[in-house]
């Protein structure tokens, strides 16, 4: 087994002058940085006093699951001889907020539209989502279901 390490820097940028003196007196804005990469502008979800123009941790979790699944799926298609020419996922996460303000995700639904070159391989292509889910690093780190409802198109020849 091999360990991989990831380092990020998160800097709160929402001090409006008095810090966290009052719950409503500060912004939830922050910058997410990884050395050598573009910054991600973060905030909390707008339901929790966040800036809707910035990414929330919840947005990033759903995007992480979606992108990890896609990368594994494309790899598995390559090794299975399925030519994918386009892949676009509209993923949705469902989070349950508890009465005390805590919460947890209860599921993520991936809904990719995938274009492949051979219509006879749709069933095989569809089966690979289960394998991609087993291989995805992020999915393996989640304690809630990750579901798939893929749609397929056939590439124009």
N, C-alpha and C. Protein backbone atom coordinates (compact mmCIF):
# COMPACT_ATOMS: atom_id res chain seq x y z
N UNK A 1 0.84 -1.18 0.00
CA UNK A 1 0.00 0.00 0.00
C UNK A 1 0.88 1.24 0.00
N UNK A 2 0.34 2.30 -0.54
CA UNK A 2 1.10 3.53 -0.70
C UNK A 2 0.27 4.70 -0.18
N UNK A 3 0.88 5.57 0.60
CA UNK A 3 0.20 6.77 1.08
C UNK A 3 0.42 7.92 0.10
N UNK A 4 -0.62 8.71 -0.12
CA UNK A 4 -0.54 9.94 -0.90
C UNK A 4 -0.96 11.07 0.02
N UNK A 5 -0.29 12.19 -0.07
CA UNK A 5 -0.58 13.31 0.81
C UNK A 5 -1.05 14.51 -0.01
N UNK A 6 -2.01 15.24 0.52
CA UNK A 6 -2.57 16.42 -0.14
C UNK A 6 -2.58 17.55 0.86
N UNK A 7 -2.14 18.71 0.41
CA UNK A 7 -2.09 19.86 1.30
C UNK A 7 -2.83 21.02 0.68
N UNK A 8 -3.72 21.62 1.46
CA UNK A 8 -4.43 22.81 1.03
C UNK A 8 -4.21 23.89 2.07
N UNK A 9 -4.46 25.11 1.64
CA UNK A 9 -4.42 26.24 2.56
C UNK A 9 -5.77 26.93 2.46
N UNK A 10 -6.48 27.04 3.58
CA UNK A 10 -7.75 27.73 3.63
C UNK A 10 -7.56 28.97 4.50
N UNK A 11 -7.87 30.13 3.92
CA UNK A 11 -7.70 31.40 4.62
C UNK A 11 -9.04 32.11 4.69
N UNK A 12 -9.49 32.39 5.90
CA UNK A 12 -10.74 33.13 6.10
C UNK A 12 -10.52 34.57 5.68
N UNK A 13 -11.40 35.09 4.84
CA UNK A 13 -11.29 36.46 4.34
C UNK A 13 -12.51 37.30 4.72
N UNK A 14 -13.32 36.79 5.64
CA UNK A 14 -14.60 37.41 5.94
C UNK A 14 -14.65 38.30 7.17
N UNK A 15 -13.51 38.71 7.69
CA UNK A 15 -13.53 39.63 8.84
C UNK A 15 -13.94 41.01 8.34
N UNK A 16 -15.08 41.49 8.78
CA UNK A 16 -15.57 42.79 8.34
C UNK A 16 -15.15 43.92 9.28
N UNK A 17 -14.29 43.61 10.23
CA UNK A 17 -13.76 44.65 11.12
C UNK A 17 -13.81 44.29 12.58
N UNK A 18 -14.74 43.43 12.99
CA UNK A 18 -14.84 43.06 14.40
C UNK A 18 -14.73 41.55 14.61
N UNK A 19 -14.18 40.86 13.65
CA UNK A 19 -14.02 39.42 13.79
C UNK A 19 -15.35 38.72 13.99
N UNK A 20 -15.35 37.75 14.88
CA UNK A 20 -16.55 36.96 15.14
C UNK A 20 -17.31 37.45 16.38
N UNK A 21 -17.21 38.73 16.64
CA UNK A 21 -17.89 39.31 17.80
C UNK A 21 -19.39 39.03 17.77
N UNK A 22 -19.99 39.09 16.57
CA UNK A 22 -21.43 38.85 16.42
C UNK A 22 -21.64 37.86 15.28
N UNK A 23 -22.54 36.90 15.47
CA UNK A 23 -22.82 35.86 14.48
C UNK A 23 -23.16 36.44 13.11
N UNK A 24 -23.88 37.54 13.09
CA UNK A 24 -24.27 38.16 11.83
C UNK A 24 -23.27 39.21 11.34
N UNK A 25 -22.23 39.42 12.09
CA UNK A 25 -21.31 40.50 11.78
C UNK A 25 -20.08 40.11 10.98
N UNK A 26 -19.99 38.88 10.57
CA UNK A 26 -18.83 38.47 9.77
C UNK A 26 -19.29 37.66 8.56
N UNK A 27 -18.45 37.68 7.54
CA UNK A 27 -18.73 36.90 6.34
C UNK A 27 -18.11 35.52 6.45
N UNK A 28 -18.67 34.60 5.73
CA UNK A 28 -18.16 33.22 5.71
C UNK A 28 -17.15 33.00 4.58
N UNK A 29 -16.75 34.06 3.92
CA UNK A 29 -15.85 33.98 2.77
C UNK A 29 -14.48 33.47 3.16
N UNK A 30 -13.92 32.66 2.27
CA UNK A 30 -12.58 32.15 2.46
C UNK A 30 -11.99 31.79 1.10
N UNK A 31 -10.69 31.69 1.06
CA UNK A 31 -9.97 31.29 -0.15
C UNK A 31 -9.35 29.93 0.09
N UNK A 32 -9.48 29.06 -0.91
CA UNK A 32 -8.89 27.73 -0.85
C UNK A 32 -7.76 27.70 -1.86
N UNK A 33 -6.58 27.38 -1.40
CA UNK A 33 -5.40 27.39 -2.27
C UNK A 33 -4.63 26.09 -2.17
N UNK A 34 -4.12 25.68 -3.30
CA UNK A 34 -3.18 24.58 -3.41
C UNK A 34 -2.01 25.13 -4.21
N UNK A 35 -0.81 24.90 -3.74
CA UNK A 35 0.37 25.47 -4.38
C UNK A 35 0.38 25.17 -5.87
N UNK A 36 0.58 26.24 -6.66
CA UNK A 36 0.68 26.09 -8.10
C UNK A 36 -0.64 26.00 -8.84
N UNK A 37 -1.77 26.19 -8.14
CA UNK A 37 -3.09 26.09 -8.77
C UNK A 37 -3.87 27.38 -8.52
N UNK A 38 -4.93 27.57 -9.33
CA UNK A 38 -5.80 28.72 -9.15
C UNK A 38 -6.55 28.61 -7.81
N UNK A 39 -6.84 29.74 -7.22
CA UNK A 39 -7.61 29.78 -5.98
C UNK A 39 -9.06 29.41 -6.24
N UNK A 40 -9.70 28.85 -5.24
CA UNK A 40 -11.13 28.60 -5.24
C UNK A 40 -11.72 29.54 -4.19
N UNK A 41 -12.73 30.29 -4.60
CA UNK A 41 -13.38 31.21 -3.67
C UNK A 41 -14.49 30.46 -2.95
N UNK A 42 -14.36 30.34 -1.65
CA UNK A 42 -15.31 29.57 -0.86
C UNK A 42 -16.12 30.42 0.09
N UNK A 43 -17.22 29.85 0.54
CA UNK A 43 -18.08 30.44 1.53
C UNK A 43 -18.94 29.32 2.10
N UNK A 44 -19.82 29.65 3.01
CA UNK A 44 -20.79 28.64 3.44
C UNK A 44 -21.97 28.69 2.48
N UNK A 45 -22.81 27.68 2.56
CA UNK A 45 -24.03 27.64 1.77
C UNK A 45 -24.85 28.89 2.08
N UNK A 46 -25.55 29.47 1.10
CA UNK A 46 -26.38 30.65 1.39
C UNK A 46 -27.41 30.42 2.50
N UNK A 47 -27.83 29.18 2.72
CA UNK A 47 -28.74 28.88 3.82
C UNK A 47 -28.10 29.11 5.19
N UNK A 48 -26.78 29.22 5.20
CA UNK A 48 -26.04 29.40 6.45
C UNK A 48 -25.22 30.68 6.39
N UNK A 49 -25.82 31.74 5.83
CA UNK A 49 -25.25 33.07 5.76
C UNK A 49 -24.07 33.18 4.81
N UNK A 50 -24.00 32.28 3.83
CA UNK A 50 -22.89 32.30 2.88
C UNK A 50 -23.16 33.12 1.65
N UNK A 51 -22.12 33.32 0.88
CA UNK A 51 -22.15 34.07 -0.37
C UNK A 51 -22.45 33.10 -1.50
N UNK A 52 -23.60 33.28 -2.16
CA UNK A 52 -24.03 32.34 -3.20
C UNK A 52 -23.13 32.37 -4.43
N UNK A 53 -22.29 33.37 -4.57
CA UNK A 53 -21.39 33.44 -5.72
C UNK A 53 -20.11 32.63 -5.51
N UNK A 54 -19.93 32.08 -4.31
CA UNK A 54 -18.73 31.30 -3.99
C UNK A 54 -19.10 29.83 -3.77
N UNK A 55 -18.13 28.95 -3.90
CA UNK A 55 -18.34 27.53 -3.69
C UNK A 55 -18.46 27.21 -2.21
N UNK A 56 -19.44 26.38 -1.86
CA UNK A 56 -19.59 25.93 -0.48
C UNK A 56 -18.88 24.58 -0.33
N UNK A 57 -18.57 24.18 0.90
CA UNK A 57 -18.00 22.84 1.11
C UNK A 57 -18.91 21.76 0.53
N UNK A 58 -20.22 21.98 0.60
CA UNK A 58 -21.16 21.00 0.07
C UNK A 58 -21.04 20.91 -1.45
N UNK A 59 -20.92 22.06 -2.13
CA UNK A 59 -20.69 22.06 -3.58
C UNK A 59 -19.45 21.26 -3.93
N UNK A 60 -18.39 21.51 -3.18
CA UNK A 60 -17.11 20.88 -3.48
C UNK A 60 -17.13 19.38 -3.21
N UNK A 61 -17.89 18.94 -2.20
CA UNK A 61 -18.01 17.51 -1.94
C UNK A 61 -18.71 16.82 -3.11
N UNK A 62 -19.82 17.38 -3.55
CA UNK A 62 -20.56 16.79 -4.67
C UNK A 62 -19.69 16.79 -5.92
N UNK A 63 -18.98 17.88 -6.18
CA UNK A 63 -18.10 17.96 -7.34
C UNK A 63 -16.96 16.95 -7.24
N UNK A 64 -16.43 16.73 -6.04
CA UNK A 64 -15.35 15.76 -5.85
C UNK A 64 -15.81 14.34 -6.18
N UNK A 65 -16.99 13.99 -5.70
CA UNK A 65 -17.53 12.66 -6.00
C UNK A 65 -17.74 12.51 -7.50
N UNK A 66 -18.34 13.53 -8.11
CA UNK A 66 -18.63 13.48 -9.54
C UNK A 66 -17.36 13.36 -10.38
N UNK A 67 -16.37 14.18 -10.09
CA UNK A 67 -15.16 14.16 -10.91
C UNK A 67 -14.35 12.89 -10.69
N UNK A 68 -14.27 12.40 -9.46
CA UNK A 68 -13.54 11.16 -9.19
C UNK A 68 -14.21 9.98 -9.91
N UNK A 69 -15.54 9.93 -9.83
CA UNK A 69 -16.28 8.87 -10.52
C UNK A 69 -16.02 8.94 -12.03
N UNK A 70 -16.10 10.15 -12.60
CA UNK A 70 -15.87 10.30 -14.04
C UNK A 70 -14.48 9.82 -14.44
N UNK A 71 -13.47 10.19 -13.69
CA UNK A 71 -12.10 9.80 -14.04
C UNK A 71 -11.92 8.29 -14.00
N UNK A 72 -12.49 7.64 -12.99
CA UNK A 72 -12.42 6.17 -12.94
C UNK A 72 -13.24 5.55 -14.06
N UNK A 73 -14.41 6.10 -14.32
CA UNK A 73 -15.27 5.57 -15.37
C UNK A 73 -14.57 5.65 -16.73
N UNK A 74 -13.96 6.78 -17.05
CA UNK A 74 -13.25 6.92 -18.31
C UNK A 74 -12.11 5.91 -18.41
N UNK A 75 -11.40 5.72 -17.34
CA UNK A 75 -10.32 4.73 -17.33
C UNK A 75 -10.86 3.33 -17.59
N UNK A 76 -11.93 2.98 -16.90
CA UNK A 76 -12.51 1.64 -17.06
C UNK A 76 -13.06 1.43 -18.47
N UNK A 77 -13.64 2.48 -19.05
CA UNK A 77 -14.11 2.38 -20.43
C UNK A 77 -12.94 2.14 -21.38
N UNK A 78 -11.85 2.83 -21.14
CA UNK A 78 -10.66 2.64 -21.98
C UNK A 78 -10.20 1.19 -21.94
N UNK A 79 -10.08 0.63 -20.75
CA UNK A 79 -9.60 -0.75 -20.64
C UNK A 79 -10.62 -1.76 -21.14
N UNK A 80 -11.91 -1.38 -21.20
CA UNK A 80 -12.96 -2.29 -21.69
C UNK A 80 -13.22 -2.11 -23.19
N UNK A 81 -12.50 -1.21 -23.82
CA UNK A 81 -12.67 -1.01 -25.26
C UNK A 81 -13.89 -0.18 -25.63
N UNK A 82 -14.38 0.61 -24.70
CA UNK A 82 -15.53 1.49 -24.96
C UNK A 82 -14.98 2.89 -25.21
N UNK A 83 -15.27 3.43 -26.38
CA UNK A 83 -14.78 4.76 -26.72
C UNK A 83 -15.82 5.80 -26.29
N UNK A 84 -15.43 6.62 -25.33
CA UNK A 84 -16.27 7.71 -24.85
C UNK A 84 -15.78 8.98 -25.53
N UNK A 85 -16.72 9.72 -26.14
CA UNK A 85 -16.33 10.96 -26.82
C UNK A 85 -16.82 12.21 -26.08
N UNK A 86 -17.74 12.03 -25.13
CA UNK A 86 -18.21 13.16 -24.32
C UNK A 86 -18.80 12.62 -23.02
N UNK A 87 -18.66 13.40 -21.96
CA UNK A 87 -19.17 13.03 -20.64
C UNK A 87 -19.50 14.31 -19.91
N UNK A 88 -20.74 14.45 -19.49
CA UNK A 88 -21.14 15.61 -18.70
C UNK A 88 -22.09 15.15 -17.61
N UNK A 89 -21.76 15.47 -16.38
CA UNK A 89 -22.55 15.01 -15.23
C UNK A 89 -23.20 16.20 -14.54
N UNK A 90 -24.48 16.06 -14.26
CA UNK A 90 -25.19 17.00 -13.40
C UNK A 90 -25.47 16.25 -12.11
N UNK A 91 -24.60 16.43 -11.14
CA UNK A 91 -24.68 15.67 -9.89
C UNK A 91 -25.47 16.46 -8.85
N UNK A 92 -26.14 15.72 -7.99
CA UNK A 92 -26.94 16.35 -6.93
C UNK A 92 -26.68 15.64 -5.61
N UNK A 93 -26.41 16.42 -4.59
CA UNK A 93 -26.24 15.88 -3.25
C UNK A 93 -27.42 16.27 -2.38
N UNK A 94 -27.80 15.38 -1.49
CA UNK A 94 -28.88 15.66 -0.54
C UNK A 94 -28.27 15.66 0.86
N UNK A 95 -28.44 16.79 1.56
CA UNK A 95 -27.91 16.92 2.91
C UNK A 95 -29.08 17.11 3.87
N UNK A 96 -29.04 16.39 4.95
CA UNK A 96 -30.05 16.49 6.00
C UNK A 96 -29.51 17.40 7.10
N UNK A 97 -30.24 18.46 7.40
CA UNK A 97 -29.85 19.33 8.50
C UNK A 97 -30.65 18.93 9.74
N UNK A 98 -29.94 18.65 10.80
CA UNK A 98 -30.57 18.26 12.07
C UNK A 98 -31.06 19.49 12.83
N UNK A 99 -31.92 19.25 13.81
CA UNK A 99 -32.48 20.34 14.61
C UNK A 99 -31.42 21.16 15.34
N UNK A 100 -30.28 20.54 15.68
CA UNK A 100 -29.23 21.26 16.39
C UNK A 100 -28.28 22.01 15.47
N UNK A 101 -28.56 21.98 14.14
CA UNK A 101 -27.72 22.69 13.18
C UNK A 101 -26.66 21.84 12.52
N UNK A 102 -26.40 20.66 13.07
CA UNK A 102 -25.45 19.76 12.41
C UNK A 102 -26.13 19.13 11.21
N UNK A 103 -25.42 18.35 10.47
CA UNK A 103 -26.04 17.71 9.32
C UNK A 103 -25.13 16.67 8.70
N UNK A 104 -25.67 15.99 7.71
CA UNK A 104 -24.90 15.00 6.99
C UNK A 104 -25.53 14.77 5.62
N UNK A 105 -24.70 14.36 4.69
CA UNK A 105 -25.22 13.98 3.39
C UNK A 105 -25.89 12.63 3.51
N UNK A 106 -27.01 12.48 2.82
CA UNK A 106 -27.73 11.20 2.83
C UNK A 106 -27.57 10.47 1.51
N UNK A 107 -27.21 11.19 0.45
CA UNK A 107 -26.92 10.55 -0.83
C UNK A 107 -26.40 11.57 -1.82
N UNK A 108 -25.73 11.05 -2.84
CA UNK A 108 -25.36 11.84 -4.01
C UNK A 108 -25.85 11.05 -5.21
N UNK A 109 -26.50 11.76 -6.14
CA UNK A 109 -26.98 11.15 -7.38
C UNK A 109 -26.17 11.73 -8.53
N UNK A 110 -25.47 10.85 -9.24
CA UNK A 110 -24.73 11.24 -10.43
C UNK A 110 -25.62 10.96 -11.64
N UNK A 111 -25.75 11.94 -12.51
CA UNK A 111 -26.62 11.81 -13.70
C UNK A 111 -25.84 12.18 -14.96
N UNK A 112 -24.83 11.40 -15.28
CA UNK A 112 -24.03 11.75 -16.45
C UNK A 112 -24.76 11.47 -17.77
N UNK A 113 -24.48 12.31 -18.75
CA UNK A 113 -24.87 12.05 -20.13
C UNK A 113 -23.57 11.73 -20.86
N UNK A 114 -23.49 10.51 -21.36
CA UNK A 114 -22.25 9.97 -21.90
C UNK A 114 -22.44 9.64 -23.38
N UNK A 115 -21.53 10.11 -24.19
CA UNK A 115 -21.56 9.78 -25.61
C UNK A 115 -20.51 8.72 -25.88
N UNK A 116 -20.95 7.60 -26.46
CA UNK A 116 -20.03 6.52 -26.82
C UNK A 116 -20.13 6.26 -28.32
N UNK A 117 -19.16 5.55 -28.85
CA UNK A 117 -19.10 5.36 -30.30
C UNK A 117 -19.85 4.13 -30.78
N UNK A 118 -20.18 3.19 -29.90
CA UNK A 118 -20.79 1.92 -30.33
C UNK A 118 -22.03 1.62 -29.49
N UNK A 119 -23.19 1.71 -30.12
CA UNK A 119 -24.45 1.49 -29.42
C UNK A 119 -24.55 0.11 -28.79
N UNK A 120 -23.90 -0.88 -29.38
CA UNK A 120 -23.97 -2.25 -28.85
C UNK A 120 -23.27 -2.39 -27.50
N UNK A 121 -22.52 -1.38 -27.09
CA UNK A 121 -21.77 -1.44 -25.82
C UNK A 121 -22.45 -0.67 -24.68
N UNK A 122 -23.67 -0.21 -24.87
CA UNK A 122 -24.35 0.57 -23.83
C UNK A 122 -24.50 -0.22 -22.54
N UNK A 123 -24.94 -1.47 -22.60
CA UNK A 123 -25.10 -2.26 -21.38
C UNK A 123 -23.78 -2.42 -20.64
N UNK A 124 -22.73 -2.72 -21.37
CA UNK A 124 -21.40 -2.85 -20.78
C UNK A 124 -20.96 -1.51 -20.17
N UNK A 125 -21.20 -0.43 -20.90
CA UNK A 125 -20.83 0.91 -20.41
C UNK A 125 -21.58 1.23 -19.12
N UNK A 126 -22.83 0.85 -19.07
CA UNK A 126 -23.64 1.12 -17.88
C UNK A 126 -23.14 0.33 -16.68
N UNK A 127 -22.73 -0.90 -16.89
CA UNK A 127 -22.22 -1.74 -15.79
C UNK A 127 -20.95 -1.16 -15.17
N UNK A 128 -20.18 -0.46 -15.96
CA UNK A 128 -18.91 0.08 -15.45
C UNK A 128 -19.09 1.14 -14.37
N UNK A 129 -20.29 1.70 -14.24
CA UNK A 129 -20.51 2.68 -13.16
C UNK A 129 -20.36 2.02 -11.79
N UNK A 130 -20.80 0.79 -11.66
CA UNK A 130 -20.66 0.07 -10.38
C UNK A 130 -19.19 -0.11 -10.05
N UNK A 131 -18.41 -0.49 -11.06
CA UNK A 131 -16.97 -0.69 -10.83
C UNK A 131 -16.28 0.65 -10.53
N UNK A 132 -16.66 1.69 -11.24
CA UNK A 132 -16.08 3.01 -10.99
C UNK A 132 -16.38 3.45 -9.56
N UNK A 133 -17.58 3.17 -9.09
CA UNK A 133 -17.95 3.54 -7.72
C UNK A 133 -17.09 2.79 -6.71
N UNK A 134 -16.77 1.53 -7.01
CA UNK A 134 -15.91 0.74 -6.11
C UNK A 134 -14.48 1.26 -6.09
N UNK A 135 -14.04 1.84 -7.20
CA UNK A 135 -12.65 2.28 -7.32
C UNK A 135 -12.43 3.72 -6.88
N UNK A 136 -13.46 4.54 -6.92
CA UNK A 136 -13.33 5.97 -6.65
C UNK A 136 -12.86 6.24 -5.22
N UNK A 137 -11.77 6.96 -5.10
CA UNK A 137 -11.19 7.28 -3.79
C UNK A 137 -12.18 8.05 -2.93
N UNK A 138 -12.88 8.99 -3.54
CA UNK A 138 -13.79 9.83 -2.77
C UNK A 138 -15.01 9.03 -2.35
N UNK A 139 -15.58 8.27 -3.27
CA UNK A 139 -16.75 7.44 -2.94
C UNK A 139 -16.42 6.47 -1.81
N UNK A 140 -15.22 5.92 -1.84
CA UNK A 140 -14.80 4.99 -0.79
C UNK A 140 -14.64 5.67 0.57
N UNK A 141 -14.60 6.98 0.58
CA UNK A 141 -14.46 7.74 1.81
C UNK A 141 -15.79 8.24 2.36
N UNK A 142 -16.86 7.98 1.65
CA UNK A 142 -18.19 8.48 2.04
C UNK A 142 -19.00 7.39 2.75
N UNK A 143 -19.85 7.81 3.67
CA UNK A 143 -20.68 6.85 4.41
C UNK A 143 -22.15 6.97 4.02
N UNK A 144 -22.39 7.35 2.78
CA UNK A 144 -23.76 7.47 2.27
C UNK A 144 -23.77 6.92 0.85
N UNK A 145 -24.95 6.56 0.33
CA UNK A 145 -25.01 5.99 -1.02
C UNK A 145 -24.68 7.01 -2.10
N UNK A 146 -24.02 6.51 -3.13
CA UNK A 146 -23.76 7.28 -4.34
C UNK A 146 -24.43 6.51 -5.47
N UNK A 147 -25.45 7.13 -6.04
CA UNK A 147 -26.27 6.48 -7.05
C UNK A 147 -25.93 7.01 -8.44
N UNK A 148 -26.31 6.24 -9.47
CA UNK A 148 -25.98 6.60 -10.84
C UNK A 148 -27.22 6.43 -11.72
N UNK A 149 -27.51 7.45 -12.50
CA UNK A 149 -28.59 7.39 -13.50
C UNK A 149 -28.03 7.95 -14.80
N UNK A 150 -27.25 7.13 -15.47
CA UNK A 150 -26.59 7.58 -16.70
C UNK A 150 -27.54 7.50 -17.89
N UNK A 151 -27.33 8.44 -18.80
CA UNK A 151 -28.02 8.43 -20.11
C UNK A 151 -26.91 8.38 -21.16
N UNK A 152 -27.23 7.76 -22.27
CA UNK A 152 -26.22 7.57 -23.31
C UNK A 152 -26.67 8.17 -24.63
N UNK A 153 -25.68 8.68 -25.35
CA UNK A 153 -25.85 9.12 -26.73
C UNK A 153 -24.84 8.35 -27.56
N UNK A 154 -25.13 8.24 -28.83
CA UNK A 154 -24.20 7.56 -29.74
C UNK A 154 -23.53 8.64 -30.60
N UNK A 155 -22.22 8.56 -30.67
CA UNK A 155 -21.44 9.54 -31.43
C UNK A 155 -21.81 9.47 -32.90
N UNK A 156 -21.99 10.63 -33.50
CA UNK A 156 -22.26 10.69 -34.94
C UNK A 156 -21.00 10.31 -35.70
N UNK A 157 -21.19 9.48 -36.67
CA UNK A 157 -20.02 9.00 -37.45
C UNK A 157 -19.86 9.83 -38.70
